[in-house]
Amino acid sequence: MNKYLLILGLVFSGYVSADNELDAFYHCVKNEAVKYSETGEQSDSIASASVSACKPTLHKMLESNVPYQNASPDDKRSFTNKISEQGHELAVKVAMDEKLKVKTKN
C-alpha cells in the first residue's frame, strides 16, 4: 500500500515535477541506447549500459522528492527498481529499432 502512496506522492508532489524528471530519465535512456546501438552489442547489453548511464539523472530527481525521501527503504528500492526496469525495456526497444534502421538501409 505504501508503494502506491509513494508513486502518487511522486506524481502529485509540489516539490518536484515527477513527470518531467522521469521524462528526463527516459529521454536519457533513449539517447544512450541510440549511442550504444552503434557498438553492435546485444540489445540487452545496450539496455543495461543505457540505464546505468542514466541512473544519476534518476537519483538526482529522487534526492529532492519529499515523498520518496519519507518512504521506507523497501518502498524506495521497489520504486527505483520499477523505474529502472521500465528504462531497460525502453532501451531494448530503442536498440532494436536502431538495428532495424541499419538493416533496412543495407
Protein backbone atom coordinates (compact mmCIF):
# COMPACT_ATOMS: atom_id res chain seq x y z
CA MET A 1 0.00 0.00 0.00
CA ASN A 2 2.82 2.40 0.86
CA LYS A 3 4.31 1.81 -2.61
CA TYR A 4 1.21 3.23 -4.22
CA LEU A 5 1.21 6.25 -1.94
CA LEU A 6 4.86 6.82 -2.82
CA ILE A 7 4.09 6.75 -6.53
CA LEU A 8 1.12 9.05 -6.10
CA GLY A 9 3.21 11.35 -3.96
CA LEU A 10 5.89 11.47 -6.63
CA VAL A 11 3.40 12.29 -9.34
CA PHE A 12 1.48 14.95 -7.40
CA SER A 13 4.37 16.38 -5.41
CA GLY A 14 4.68 20.14 -5.43
CA TYR A 15 8.38 19.84 -4.66
CA VAL A 16 9.42 18.22 -7.93
CA SER A 17 7.63 17.70 -11.20
CA ALA A 18 7.98 13.93 -11.22
CA ASP A 19 6.62 13.55 -14.73
CA ASN A 20 9.22 15.93 -16.15
CA GLU A 21 12.03 14.35 -14.18
CA LEU A 22 11.02 10.84 -15.19
CA ASP A 23 10.76 12.10 -18.77
CA ALA A 24 14.34 13.33 -18.40
CA PHE A 25 15.41 9.85 -17.25
CA TYR A 26 13.60 8.11 -20.11
CA HIS A 27 14.95 10.64 -22.63
CA CYS A 28 18.46 9.96 -21.33
CA VAL A 29 17.89 6.20 -21.68
CA LYS A 30 16.70 6.65 -25.29
CA ASN A 31 19.72 8.77 -26.20
CA GLU A 32 22.16 6.35 -24.62
CA ALA A 33 20.51 3.36 -26.33
CA VAL A 34 20.85 5.08 -29.72
CA LYS A 35 24.50 5.84 -28.97
CA TYR A 36 25.34 2.34 -27.72
CA SER A 37 23.47 0.60 -30.53
CA GLU A 38 26.32 1.62 -32.82
CA THR A 39 28.63 -0.74 -30.90
CA GLY A 40 26.97 -3.84 -32.33
CA GLU A 41 26.41 -5.30 -28.86
CA GLN A 42 23.32 -7.30 -27.97
CA SER A 43 20.20 -5.25 -27.21
CA ASP A 44 20.14 -6.42 -23.59
CA SER A 45 23.72 -5.24 -23.04
CA ILE A 46 22.89 -1.91 -24.66
CA ALA A 47 19.86 -1.55 -22.41
CA SER A 48 21.84 -2.31 -19.25
CA ALA A 49 24.53 0.20 -20.19
CA SER A 50 21.91 2.82 -21.05
CA VAL A 51 20.11 2.51 -17.72
CA SER A 52 23.41 2.57 -15.83
CA ALA A 53 24.50 5.72 -17.64
CA CYS A 54 21.22 7.44 -16.71
CA LYS A 55 20.98 6.41 -13.06
CA PRO A 56 22.45 9.76 -11.91
CA THR A 57 19.52 11.52 -13.59
CA LEU A 58 17.06 9.32 -11.71
CA HIS A 59 18.88 9.71 -8.39
CA LYS A 60 19.02 13.47 -8.79
CA MET A 61 15.24 13.58 -9.16
CA LEU A 62 14.69 11.35 -6.16
CA GLU A 63 17.08 13.27 -3.89
CA SER A 64 14.79 16.28 -3.77
CA ASN A 65 11.47 14.47 -3.71
CA VAL A 66 9.95 14.60 -0.24
CA PRO A 67 7.52 11.65 -0.62
CA TYR A 68 10.39 9.48 -1.84
CA GLN A 69 12.66 10.62 0.97
CA ASN A 70 9.96 9.81 3.55
CA ALA A 71 9.33 6.33 2.13
CA SER A 72 10.64 3.16 3.71
CA PRO A 73 13.87 1.68 2.33
CA ASP A 74 11.91 -1.21 0.79
CA ASP A 75 9.50 1.15 -0.96
CA LYS A 76 12.38 3.27 -2.25
CA ARG A 77 14.14 0.20 -3.61
CA SER A 78 10.94 -1.11 -5.16
CA PHE A 79 10.18 2.20 -6.87
CA THR A 80 13.75 2.62 -8.16
CA ASN A 81 13.78 -0.96 -9.45
CA LYS A 82 10.45 -0.48 -11.24
CA ILE A 83 11.63 2.70 -12.98
CA SER A 84 14.93 1.04 -13.91
CA GLU A 85 13.09 -1.97 -15.36
CA GLN A 86 10.91 0.34 -17.44
CA GLY A 87 14.03 2.15 -18.63
CA HIS A 88 15.60 -1.19 -19.53
CA GLU A 89 12.55 -2.22 -21.57
CA LEU A 90 12.55 1.13 -23.34
CA ALA A 91 16.26 0.83 -24.15
CA VAL A 92 15.83 -2.68 -25.59
CA LYS A 93 13.11 -1.39 -27.91
CA VAL A 94 15.16 1.64 -28.99
CA ALA A 95 18.24 -0.52 -29.60
CA MET A 96 16.23 -2.97 -31.69
CA ASP A 97 14.67 -0.11 -33.65
CA GLU A 98 18.14 1.26 -34.35
CA LYS A 99 19.33 -2.16 -35.55
CA LEU A 100 16.32 -2.38 -37.87
CA LYS A 101 17.16 1.05 -39.31
CA VAL A 102 20.63 -0.19 -40.18
CA LYS A 103 19.28 -3.38 -41.79
CA THR A 104 16.75 -1.50 -43.92
CA LYS A 105 19.45 0.90 -45.16
CA ASN A 106 21.52 -2.01 -46.48
